[in-house]
PDB file of N, CA and C in Angstrom:
ATOM      1  N   MET A   1    -233.581-103.534  34.869  1.00  0.00           N
ATOM      2  CA  MET A   1    -233.554-102.053  34.857  1.00  0.00           C
ATOM      3  C   MET A   1    -233.651-101.256  36.238  1.00  0.00           C
ATOM      4  N   ARG A   2    -232.468-100.890  36.004  1.00  0.00           N
ATOM      5  CA  ARG A   2    -231.761 -99.992  37.315  1.00  0.00           C
ATOM      6  C   ARG A   2    -231.738 -98.732  36.508  1.00  0.00           C
ATOM      7  N   GLN A   3    -232.851 -97.642  36.942  1.00  0.00           N
ATOM      8  CA  GLN A   3    -232.559 -96.044  36.607  1.00  0.00           C
ATOM      9  C   GLN A   3    -232.984 -94.962  37.659  1.00  0.00           C
ATOM     10  N   ALA A   4    -232.197 -94.142  37.665  1.00  0.00           N
ATOM     11  CA  ALA A   4    -231.964 -93.024  39.090  1.00  0.00           C
ATOM     12  C   ALA A   4    -232.326 -91.576  38.056  1.00  0.00           C
ATOM     13  N   HIS A   5    -233.453 -90.777  37.912  1.00  0.00           N
ATOM     14  CA  HIS A   5    -233.644 -90.026  37.841  1.00  0.00           C
ATOM     15  C   HIS A   5    -233.756 -88.706  38.647  1.00  0.00           C
ATOM     16  N   ALA A   6    -232.786 -87.604  38.563  1.00  0.00           N
ATOM     17  CA  ALA A   6    -232.596 -86.274  39.701  1.00  0.00           C
ATOM     18  C   ALA A   6    -234.013 -85.282  38.940  1.00  0.00           C
ATOM     19  N   LEU A   7    -234.198 -84.218  39.509  1.00  0.00           N
ATOM     20  CA  LEU A   7    -234.899 -83.606  39.608  1.00  0.00           C
ATOM     21  C   LEU A   7    -234.589 -82.022  39.876  1.00  0.00           C
ATOM     22  N   PHE A   8    -233.645 -80.946  39.477  1.00  0.00           N
ATOM     23  CA  PHE A   8    -232.773 -80.149  40.147  1.00  0.00           C
ATOM     24  C   PHE A   8    -233.485 -78.901  39.196  1.00  0.00           C
ATOM     25  N   PRO A   9    -234.767 -78.118  39.696  1.00  0.00           N
ATOM     26  CA  PRO A   9    -234.824 -76.870  39.055  1.00  0.00           C
ATOM     27  C   PRO A   9    -233.939 -76.134  38.626  1.00  0.00           C
ATOM     28  N   GLY A  10    -234.158 -74.976  38.154  1.00  0.00           N
ATOM     29  CA  GLY A  10    -232.905 -73.743  38.588  1.00  0.00           C
ATOM     30  C   GLY A  10    -233.807 -72.677  39.022  1.00  0.00           C
ATOM     31  N   ARG A  11    -232.843 -72.103  40.667  1.00  0.00           N
ATOM     32  CA  ARG A  11    -233.227 -71.439  41.526  1.00  0.00           C
ATOM     33  C   ARG A  11    -232.393 -70.849  42.316  1.00  0.00           C
ATOM     34  N   ALA A  12    -232.425 -69.443  41.897  1.00  0.00           N
ATOM     35  CA  ALA A  12    -231.081 -67.969  41.755  1.00  0.00           C
ATOM     36  C   ALA A  12    -231.837 -68.513  43.545  1.00  0.00           C
ATOM     37  N   GLY A  13    -230.394 -68.344  44.059  1.00  0.00           N
ATOM     38  CA  GLY A  13    -229.541 -68.649  45.448  1.00  0.00           C
ATOM     39  C   GLY A  13    -229.866 -69.772  46.084  1.00  0.00           C
ATOM     40  N   ALA A  14    -229.583 -70.967  45.408  1.00  0.00           N
ATOM     41  CA  ALA A  14    -229.436 -72.185  45.002  1.00  0.00           C
ATOM     42  C   ALA A  14    -228.078 -72.599  45.109  1.00  0.00           C
ATOM     43  N   PRO A  15    -227.172 -73.479  45.884  1.00  0.00           N
ATOM     44  CA  PRO A  15    -225.866 -73.737  45.245  1.00  0.00           C
ATOM     45  C   PRO A  15    -225.955 -73.999  43.976  1.00  0.00           C
ATOM     46  N   ALA A  16    -225.111 -73.507  43.052  1.00  0.00           N
ATOM     47  CA  ALA A  16    -225.191 -73.948  41.379  1.00  0.00           C
ATOM     48  C   ALA A  16    -226.111 -73.346  40.331  1.00  0.00           C
ATOM     49  N   GLY A  17    -227.036 -72.807  41.557  1.00  0.00           N
ATOM     50  CA  GLY A  17    -228.374 -71.974  41.013  1.00  0.00           C
ATOM     51  C   GLY A  17    -229.370 -73.474  40.932  1.00  0.00           C
ATOM     52  N   LEU A  18    -228.941 -74.648  41.516  1.00  0.00           N
ATOM     53  CA  LEU A  18    -230.123 -75.469  41.282  1.00  0.00           C
ATOM     54  C   LEU A  18    -230.298 -75.961  43.180  1.00  0.00           C
ATOM     55  N   LEU A  19    -232.015 -76.023  42.327  1.00  0.00           N
ATOM     56  CA  LEU A  19    -233.148 -76.672  44.184  1.00  0.00           C
ATOM     57  C   LEU A  19    -233.477 -77.922  43.765  1.00  0.00           C
ATOM     58  N   PRO A  20    -232.670 -79.237  44.476  1.00  0.00           N
ATOM     59  CA  PRO A  20    -232.560 -80.354  44.497  1.00  0.00           C
ATOM     60  C   PRO A  20    -234.466 -80.462  45.030  1.00  0.00           C
ATOM     61  N   ILE A  21    -235.236 -81.395  44.392  1.00  0.00           N
ATOM     62  CA  ILE A  21    -236.554 -81.083  44.985  1.00  0.00           C
ATOM     63  C   ILE A  21    -237.537 -82.567  45.097  1.00  0.00           C
ATOM     64  N   GLY A  22    -236.119 -83.339  44.303  1.00  0.00           N
ATOM     65  CA  GLY A  22    -236.827 -85.344  44.472  1.00  0.00           C
ATOM     66  C   GLY A  22    -236.085 -85.864  43.193  1.00  0.00           C
ATOM     67  N   TRP A  23    -236.217 -87.233  43.923  1.00  0.00           N
ATOM     68  CA  TRP A  23    -235.635 -88.188  42.599  1.00  0.00           C
ATOM     69  C   TRP A  23    -237.122 -89.878  42.406  1.00  0.00           C
ATOM     70  N   THR A  24    -236.314 -89.589  41.509  1.00  0.00           N
ATOM     71  CA  THR A  24    -237.486 -91.547  41.389  1.00  0.00           C
ATOM     72  C   THR A  24    -236.066 -92.478  41.125  1.00  0.00           C
ATOM     73  N   VAL A  25    -236.475 -93.298  41.380  1.00  0.00           N
ATOM     74  CA  VAL A  25    -235.020 -94.783  41.093  1.00  0.00           C
ATOM     75  C   VAL A  25    -235.721 -96.068  40.331  1.00  0.00           C
ATOM     76  N   VAL A  26    -236.248 -96.399  39.714  1.00  0.00           N
ATOM     77  CA  VAL A  26    -236.218 -97.862  39.715  1.00  0.00           C
ATOM     78  C   VAL A  26    -235.285 -99.343  39.955  1.00  0.00           C
ATOM     79  N   ASP A  27    -235.540 -99.693  40.794  1.00  0.00           N
ATOM     80  CA  ASP A  27    -234.979-101.349  41.466  1.00  0.00           C
ATOM     81  C   ASP A  27    -234.575-102.103  40.024  1.00  0.00           C
ATOM     82  N   ASN A  28    -233.811-103.531  40.614  1.00  0.00           N
ATOM     83  CA  ASN A  28    -233.333-104.498  39.455  1.00  0.00           C
ATOM     84  C   ASN A  28    -234.624-105.250  39.939  1.00  0.00           C
ATOM     85  N   GLN A  29    -235.896-104.993  40.459  1.00  0.00           N
ATOM     86  CA  GLN A  29    -236.916-105.751  40.037  1.00  0.00           C
ATOM     87  C   GLN A  29    -238.548-104.979  39.386  1.00  0.00           C
ATOM     88  N   GLY A  30    -237.638-103.480  39.304  1.00  0.00           N
ATOM     89  CA  GLY A  30    -238.809-103.236  38.252  1.00  0.00           C
ATOM     90  C   GLY A  30    -239.683-102.688  39.638  1.00  0.00           C
ATOM     91  N   GLN A  31    -239.646-102.380  40.846  1.00  0.00           N
ATOM     92  CA  GLN A  31    -239.733-100.776  41.847  1.00  0.00           C
ATOM     93  C   GLN A  31    -240.086-100.139  41.203  1.00  0.00           C
ATOM     94  N   THR A  32    -240.474 -99.493  41.594  1.00  0.00           N
ATOM     95  CA  THR A  32    -240.087 -97.580  41.561  1.00  0.00           C
ATOM     96  C   THR A  32    -240.030 -97.060  43.397  1.00  0.00           C
ATOM     97  N   THR A  33    -239.338 -96.175  43.295  1.00  0.00           N
ATOM     98  CA  THR A  33    -239.813 -95.264  44.823  1.00  0.00           C
ATOM     99  C   THR A  33    -239.473 -93.823  44.097  1.00  0.00           C
ATOM    100  N   GLN A  34    -240.249 -92.845  44.260  1.00  0.00           N
ATOM    101  CA  GLN A  34    -240.052 -91.355  44.387  1.00  0.00           C
ATOM    102  C   GLN A  34    -239.354 -90.805  45.873  1.00  0.00           C
ATOM    103  N   VAL A  35    -238.722 -89.897  45.695  1.00  0.00           N
ATOM    104  CA  VAL A  35    -238.259 -89.284  47.070  1.00  0.00           C
ATOM    105  C   VAL A  35    -238.586 -87.801  46.358  1.00  0.00           C
ATOM    106  N   GLN A  36    -239.989 -87.037  47.159  1.00  0.00           N
ATOM    107  CA  GLN A  36    -240.012 -85.520  47.023  1.00  0.00           C
ATOM    108  C   GLN A  36    -239.449 -84.977  48.521  1.00  0.00           C
ATOM    109  N   LEU A  37    -238.956 -83.348  47.873  1.00  0.00           N
ATOM    110  CA  LEU A  37    -238.184 -83.443  49.078  1.00  0.00           C
ATOM    111  C   LEU A  37    -238.821 -81.620  48.830  1.00  0.00           C
ATOM    112  N   THR A  38    -238.963 -81.094  50.427  1.00  0.00           N
ATOM    113  CA  THR A  38    -240.378 -79.525  50.574  1.00  0.00           C
ATOM    114  C   THR A  38    -238.944 -78.947  51.901  1.00  0.00           C
ATOM    115  N   GLY A  39    -239.767 -77.352  50.956  1.00  0.00           N
ATOM    116  CA  GLY A  39    -238.952 -76.872  52.623  1.00  0.00           C
ATOM    117  C   GLY A  39    -237.533 -77.304  52.715  1.00  0.00           C
ATOM    118  N   VAL A  40    -236.869 -77.598  51.607  1.00  0.00           N
ATOM    119  CA  VAL A  40    -235.581 -77.281  51.921  1.00  0.00           C
ATOM    120  C   VAL A  40    -234.850 -76.339  51.650  1.00  0.00           C
ATOM    121  N   LYS A  41    -233.611 -76.165  52.895  1.00  0.00           N
ATOM    122  CA  LYS A  41    -233.002 -74.697  53.663  1.00  0.00           C
ATOM    123  C   LYS A  41    -231.173 -75.450  53.302  1.00  0.00           C
ATOM    124  N   PHE A  42    -230.653 -73.810  52.890  1.00  0.00           N
ATOM    125  CA  PHE A  42    -229.548 -74.065  52.672  1.00  0.00           C
ATOM    126  C   PHE A  42    -228.826 -73.582  53.581  1.00  0.00           C
ATOM    127  N   ASN A  43    -227.557 -73.531  54.509  1.00  0.00           N
ATOM    128  CA  ASN A  43    -227.458 -73.658  55.516  1.00  0.00           C
ATOM    129  C   ASN A  43    -228.058 -72.776  56.201  1.00  0.00           C
ATOM    130  N   PRO A  44    -228.936 -73.777  57.118  1.00  0.00           N
ATOM    131  CA  PRO A  44    -229.193 -73.645  58.475  1.00  0.00           C
ATOM    132  C   PRO A  44    -228.087 -73.579  59.362  1.00  0.00           C
ATOM    133  N   ALA A  45    -228.357 -74.006  60.671  1.00  0.00           N
ATOM    134  CA  ALA A  45    -227.979 -73.766  61.838  1.00  0.00           C
ATOM    135  C   ALA A  45    -228.208 -75.100  62.203  1.00  0.00           C
ATOM    136  N   VAL A  46    -226.758 -75.565  62.624  1.00  0.00           N
ATOM    137  CA  VAL A  46    -226.891 -77.360  62.952  1.00  0.00           C
ATOM    138  C   VAL A  46    -226.414 -76.935  64.202  1.00  0.00           C
ATOM    139  N   SER A  47    -226.939 -77.141  65.425  1.00  0.00           N
ATOM    140  CA  SER A  47    -226.188 -76.967  66.734  1.00  0.00           C
ATOM    141  C   SER A  47    -225.331 -78.420  66.574  1.00  0.00           C
ATOM    142  N   ASP A  48    -224.070 -78.509  67.533  1.00  0.00           N
ATOM    143  CA  ASP A  48    -222.909 -79.688  67.929  1.00  0.00           C
ATOM    144  C   ASP A  48    -223.294 -80.686  68.280  1.00  0.00           C
ATOM    145  N   GLY A  49    -224.336 -80.821  68.746  1.00  0.00           N
ATOM    146  CA  GLY A  49    -224.973 -81.696  69.456  1.00  0.00           C
ATOM    147  C   GLY A  49    -225.878 -82.776  68.629  1.00  0.00           C
ATOM    148  N   ALA A  50    -225.540 -82.068  66.932  1.00  0.00           N
ATOM    149  CA  ALA A  50    -226.095 -82.687  66.135  1.00  0.00           C
ATOM    150  C   ALA A  50    -225.093 -83.723  65.292  1.00  0.00           C
ATOM    151  N   PHE A  51    -224.456 -83.554  66.427  1.00  0.00           N
ATOM    152  CA  PHE A  51    -223.637 -85.186  65.301  1.00  0.00           C
ATOM    153  C   PHE A  51    -222.308 -85.862  66.399  1.00  0.00           C
ATOM    154  N   ARG A  52    -222.775 -85.568  68.105  1.00  0.00           N
ATOM    155  CA  ARG A  52    -222.656 -86.517  68.812  1.00  0.00           C
ATOM    156  C   ARG A  52    -223.098 -88.132  68.209  1.00  0.00           C
ATOM    157  N   TYR A  53    -221.582 -88.687  68.641  1.00  0.00           N
ATOM    158  CA  TYR A  53    -221.257 -89.955  68.120  1.00  0.00           C
ATOM    159  C   TYR A  53    -221.311 -90.713  69.595  1.00  0.00           C
ATOM    160  N   ARG A  54    -222.587 -91.669  70.543  1.00  0.00           N
ATOM    161  CA  ARG A  54    -222.418 -92.686  70.989  1.00  0.00           C
ATOM    162  C   ARG A  54    -222.033 -94.163  70.578  1.00  0.00           C
ATOM    163  N   ASP A  55    -220.832 -94.588  70.977  1.00  0.00           N
ATOM    164  CA  ASP A  55    -220.180 -96.268  70.454  1.00  0.00           C
ATOM    165  C   ASP A  55    -222.041 -96.830  70.916  1.00  0.00           C
ATOM    166  N   PRO A  56    -221.985 -98.025  70.434  1.00  0.00           N
ATOM    167  CA  PRO A  56    -223.550 -98.774  70.817  1.00  0.00           C
ATOM    168  C   PRO A  56    -222.952 -99.710  71.755  1.00  0.00           C
ATOM    169  N   ARG A  57    -221.704-100.057  71.208  1.00  0.00           N
ATOM    170  CA  ARG A  57    -220.882-101.229  71.628  1.00  0.00           C
ATOM    171  C   ARG A  57    -220.759-100.967  73.747  1.00  0.00           C
ATOM    172  N   GLY A  58    -220.102 -99.670  73.490  1.00  0.00           N
ATOM    173  CA  GLY A  58    -219.556 -99.069  75.049  1.00  0.00           C
ATOM    174  C   GLY A  58    -218.587 -99.248  75.185  1.00  0.00           C
ATOM    175  N   ALA A  59    -217.764 -99.552  74.275  1.00  0.00           N
ATOM    176  CA  ALA A  59    -216.596-100.085  74.739  1.00  0.00           C
ATOM    177  C   ALA A  59    -214.656 -98.433  73.994  1.00  0.00           C
ATOM    178  N   GLY A  60    -215.978 -98.201  73.543  1.00  0.00           N
ATOM    179  CA  GLY A  60    -215.260 -96.950  72.905  1.00  0.00           C
ATOM    180  C   GLY A  60    -214.678 -97.112  71.706  1.00  0.00           C
ATOM    181  N   VAL A  61    -213.279 -96.406  71.219  1.00  0.00           N
ATOM    182  CA  VAL A  61    -213.299 -96.262  69.410  1.00  0.00           C
ATOM    183  C   VAL A  61    -211.945 -97.313  70.094  1.00  0.00           C
ATOM    184  N   GLY A  62    -211.634 -98.305  69.063  1.00  0.00           N
ATOM    185  CA  GLY A  62    -210.411 -98.835  69.191  1.00  0.00           C
ATOM    186  C   GLY A  62    -210.957-100.180  68.279  1.00  0.00           C
ATOM    187  N   PRO A  63    -210.437-100.995  67.989  1.00  0.00           N
ATOM    188  CA  PRO A  63    -210.696-102.530  68.242  1.00  0.00           C
ATOM    189  C   PRO A  63    -211.520-103.124  70.004  1.00  0.00           C
ATOM    190  N   ARG A  64    -212.175-104.140  69.248  1.00  0.00           N
ATOM    191  CA  ARG A  64    -212.423-104.929  70.579  1.00  0.00           C
ATOM    192  C   ARG A  64    -211.492-105.495  71.808  1.00  0.00           C
ATOM    193  N   GLY A  65    -211.122-105.371  72.817  1.00  0.00           N
ATOM    194  CA  GLY A  65    -210.348-106.000  73.817  1.00  0.00           C
ATOM    195  C   GLY A  65    -208.948-105.051  74.209  1.00  0.00           C
ATOM    196  N   ARG A  66    -209.413-104.146  73.455  1.00  0.00           N
ATOM    197  CA  ARG A  66    -208.601-103.011  74.277  1.00  0.00           C
ATOM    198  C   ARG A  66    -209.186-101.911  74.981  1.00  0.00           C
TER     199      ARG A  66
END
């Protein structure tokens, strides 16, 4: 039995008027995982450095051996 339920109560100022606060998932083994969000912020300032990628192989971009 797989199930997923998301909680998005209405909130003025939130995107599409909905505030994501959490979700619950039940997997194939019947295990339940719950996620709750707190301190949700919309459009916060994020530095460009937060998106730097360093190739763990140290070879750069492209197929190996090039």
